[in-house]
C-alpha atoms as a PDB file:
ATOM      1  CA  MET A   1     112.468  39.750 103.904  1.00  0.00           C
ATOM      2  CA  MET A   2     111.233  43.082 105.057  1.00  0.00           C
ATOM      3  CA  ASP A   3     107.901  44.502 103.928  1.00  0.00           C
ATOM      4  CA  THR A   4     107.995  48.045 102.596  1.00  0.00           C
ATOM      5  CA  LYS A   5     105.125  50.442 102.128  1.00  0.00           C
ATOM      6  CA  LEU A   6     104.252  51.421  98.531  1.00  0.00           C
ATOM      7  CA  THR A   7     101.845  54.161  97.533  1.00  0.00           C
ATOM      8  CA  LEU A   8      99.961  53.749  94.245  1.00  0.00           C
ATOM      9  CA  LYS A   9      97.584  56.102  92.469  1.00  0.00           C
ATOM     10  CA  LEU A  10      94.765  54.154  90.814  1.00  0.00           C
ATOM     11  CA  ASN A  11      91.270  54.780  89.537  1.00  0.00           C
ATOM     12  CA  GLN A  12      88.853  54.772  92.503  1.00  0.00           C
ATOM     13  CA  GLU A  13      86.391  52.412  90.771  1.00  0.00           C
ATOM     14  CA  ILE A  14      89.155  49.893  90.118  1.00  0.00           C
ATOM     15  CA  ILE A  15      90.287  50.105  93.729  1.00  0.00           C
ATOM     16  CA  GLU A  16      86.756  49.373  94.981  1.00  0.00           C
ATOM     17  CA  ARG A  17      86.366  46.396  92.621  1.00  0.00           C
ATOM     18  CA  ALA A  18      89.807  45.108  93.611  1.00  0.00           C
ATOM     19  CA  LYS A  19      88.961  45.365  97.320  1.00  0.00           C
ATOM     20  CA  LYS A  20      85.743  43.434  96.744  1.00  0.00           C
ATOM     21  CA  TYR A  21      87.621  40.787  94.741  1.00  0.00           C
ATOM     22  CA  ALA A  22      90.286  40.494  97.463  1.00  0.00           C
ATOM     23  CA  SER A  23      87.614  40.119 100.131  1.00  0.00           C
ATOM     24  CA  ASN A  24      85.851  37.400  98.135  1.00  0.00           C
ATOM     25  CA  GLN A  25      89.175  35.571  97.738  1.00  0.00           C
ATOM     26  CA  LYS A  26      89.894  35.987 101.467  1.00  0.00           C
ATOM     27  CA  LEU A  27      93.169  37.726 100.612  1.00  0.00           C
ATOM     28  CA  SER A  28      94.483  41.199 101.256  1.00  0.00           C
ATOM     29  CA  LEU A  29      94.765  43.563  98.331  1.00  0.00           C
ATOM     30  CA  SER A  30      98.446  43.951  99.207  1.00  0.00           C
ATOM     31  CA  ARG A  31      98.941  40.176  98.899  1.00  0.00           C
ATOM     32  CA  ILE A  32      97.240  40.099  95.503  1.00  0.00           C
ATOM     33  CA  VAL A  33      99.360  42.970  94.155  1.00  0.00           C
ATOM     34  CA  GLU A  34     102.525  41.426  95.606  1.00  0.00           C
ATOM     35  CA  ALA A  35     101.749  38.022  94.055  1.00  0.00           C
ATOM     36  CA  TYR A  36     100.984  39.621  90.696  1.00  0.00           C
ATOM     37  CA  LEU A  37     104.244  41.580  90.697  1.00  0.00           C
ATOM     38  CA  GLN A  38     106.129  38.463  91.809  1.00  0.00           C
ATOM     39  CA  THR A  39     104.643  36.518  88.908  1.00  0.00           C
ATOM     40  CA  LEU A  40     105.538  39.264  86.427  1.00  0.00           C
ATOM     41  CA  THR A  41     109.123  39.558  87.591  1.00  0.00           C
ATOM     42  CA  SER A  42     109.955  35.948  88.406  1.00  0.00           C
ATOM     43  CA  ASP A  43     111.700  33.458  86.147  1.00  0.00           C
ATOM     44  CA  LYS A  44     109.930  30.689  88.040  1.00  0.00           C
ATOM     45  CA  LYS A  45     106.865  29.297  86.310  1.00  0.00           C
ATOM     46  CA  ASN A  46     105.319  27.733  89.397  1.00  0.00           C
ATOM     47  CA  SER A  47     103.473  29.966  91.805  1.00  0.00           C
ATOM     48  CA  ASP A  48     100.838  29.468  94.468  1.00  0.00           C
ATOM     49  CA  PHE A  49      98.927  32.385  92.963  1.00  0.00           C
ATOM     50  CA  GLU A  50      97.113  31.889  89.653  1.00  0.00           C
ATOM     51  CA  ILE A  51      97.135  34.794  87.183  1.00  0.00           C
ATOM     52  CA  SER A  52      94.421  34.467  84.560  1.00  0.00           C
ATOM     53  CA  PRO A  53      95.453  34.325  80.877  1.00  0.00           C
ATOM     54  CA  PHE A  54      93.562  37.575  80.281  1.00  0.00           C
ATOM     55  CA  VAL A  55      95.550  39.416  82.938  1.00  0.00           C
ATOM     56  CA  LYS A  56      98.796  37.895  81.642  1.00  0.00           C
ATOM     57  CA  SER A  57      97.946  39.117  78.151  1.00  0.00           C
ATOM     58  CA  MET A  58      97.534  42.642  79.507  1.00  0.00           C
ATOM     59  CA  ALA A  59     101.109  42.546  80.808  1.00  0.00           C
ATOM     60  CA  THR A  60     102.676  41.844  77.399  1.00  0.00           C
ATOM     61  CA  GLY A  61     102.614  45.453  76.299  1.00  0.00           C
ATOM     62  CA  THR A  62     100.816  44.449  73.113  1.00  0.00           C
ATOM     63  CA  LYS A  63      98.786  47.357  71.786  1.00  0.00           C
ATOM     64  CA  ILE A  64      95.251  46.653  70.562  1.00  0.00           C
ATOM     65  CA  PRO A  65      94.123  48.934  67.723  1.00  0.00           C
ATOM     66  CA  ALA A  66      91.238  51.229  68.701  1.00  0.00           C
ATOM     67  CA  ASP A  67      89.319  50.267  65.551  1.00  0.00           C
ATOM     68  CA  LEU A  68      89.700  46.501  66.040  1.00  0.00           C
ATOM     69  CA  ASP A  69      86.620  44.561  64.960  1.00  0.00           C
ATOM     70  CA  SER A  70      86.871  41.617  67.357  1.00  0.00           C
ATOM     71  CA  LYS A  71      83.931  39.727  65.854  1.00  0.00           C
ATOM     72  CA  LYS A  72      85.468  39.923  62.374  1.00  0.00           C
ATOM     73  CA  GLU A  73      88.894  38.920  63.714  1.00  0.00           C
ATOM     74  CA  TYR A  74      87.390  35.920  65.487  1.00  0.00           C
ATOM     75  CA  SER A  75      85.384  34.957  62.415  1.00  0.00           C
ATOM     76  CA  ASP A  76      88.520  35.196  60.252  1.00  0.00           C
ATOM     77  CA  HIS A  77      90.392  33.097  62.805  1.00  0.00           C
ATOM     78  CA  LEU A  78      87.720  30.368  62.684  1.00  0.00           C
ATOM     79  CA  MET A  79      87.638  30.387  58.890  1.00  0.00           C
ATOM     80  CA  GLU A  80      91.409  29.949  58.802  1.00  0.00           C
ATOM     81  CA  LYS A  81      91.385  27.309  61.529  1.00  0.00           C
ATOM     82  CA  TYR A  82      88.761  25.112  59.872  1.00  0.00           C
ATOM     83  CA  LYS A  83      89.919  25.343  56.249  1.00  0.00           C
END
């Protein structure tokens, strides 16, 4: 496979945090983005790169209401779960 350059426009603060994260993981930021995109677009469930459940949930396209009361939702969930 041939590597190809890709230019992205992202929030500067996010870029700085991502660079720090990549450095801590001893990976390049390019490798992290590539692995994430591979995971999103692959039918294969096994990967050498772990995507957290939180990040996976962000990729579903599910919209979260702006007025969501997360504490109430969680409380309701627990009440229903332990009926």
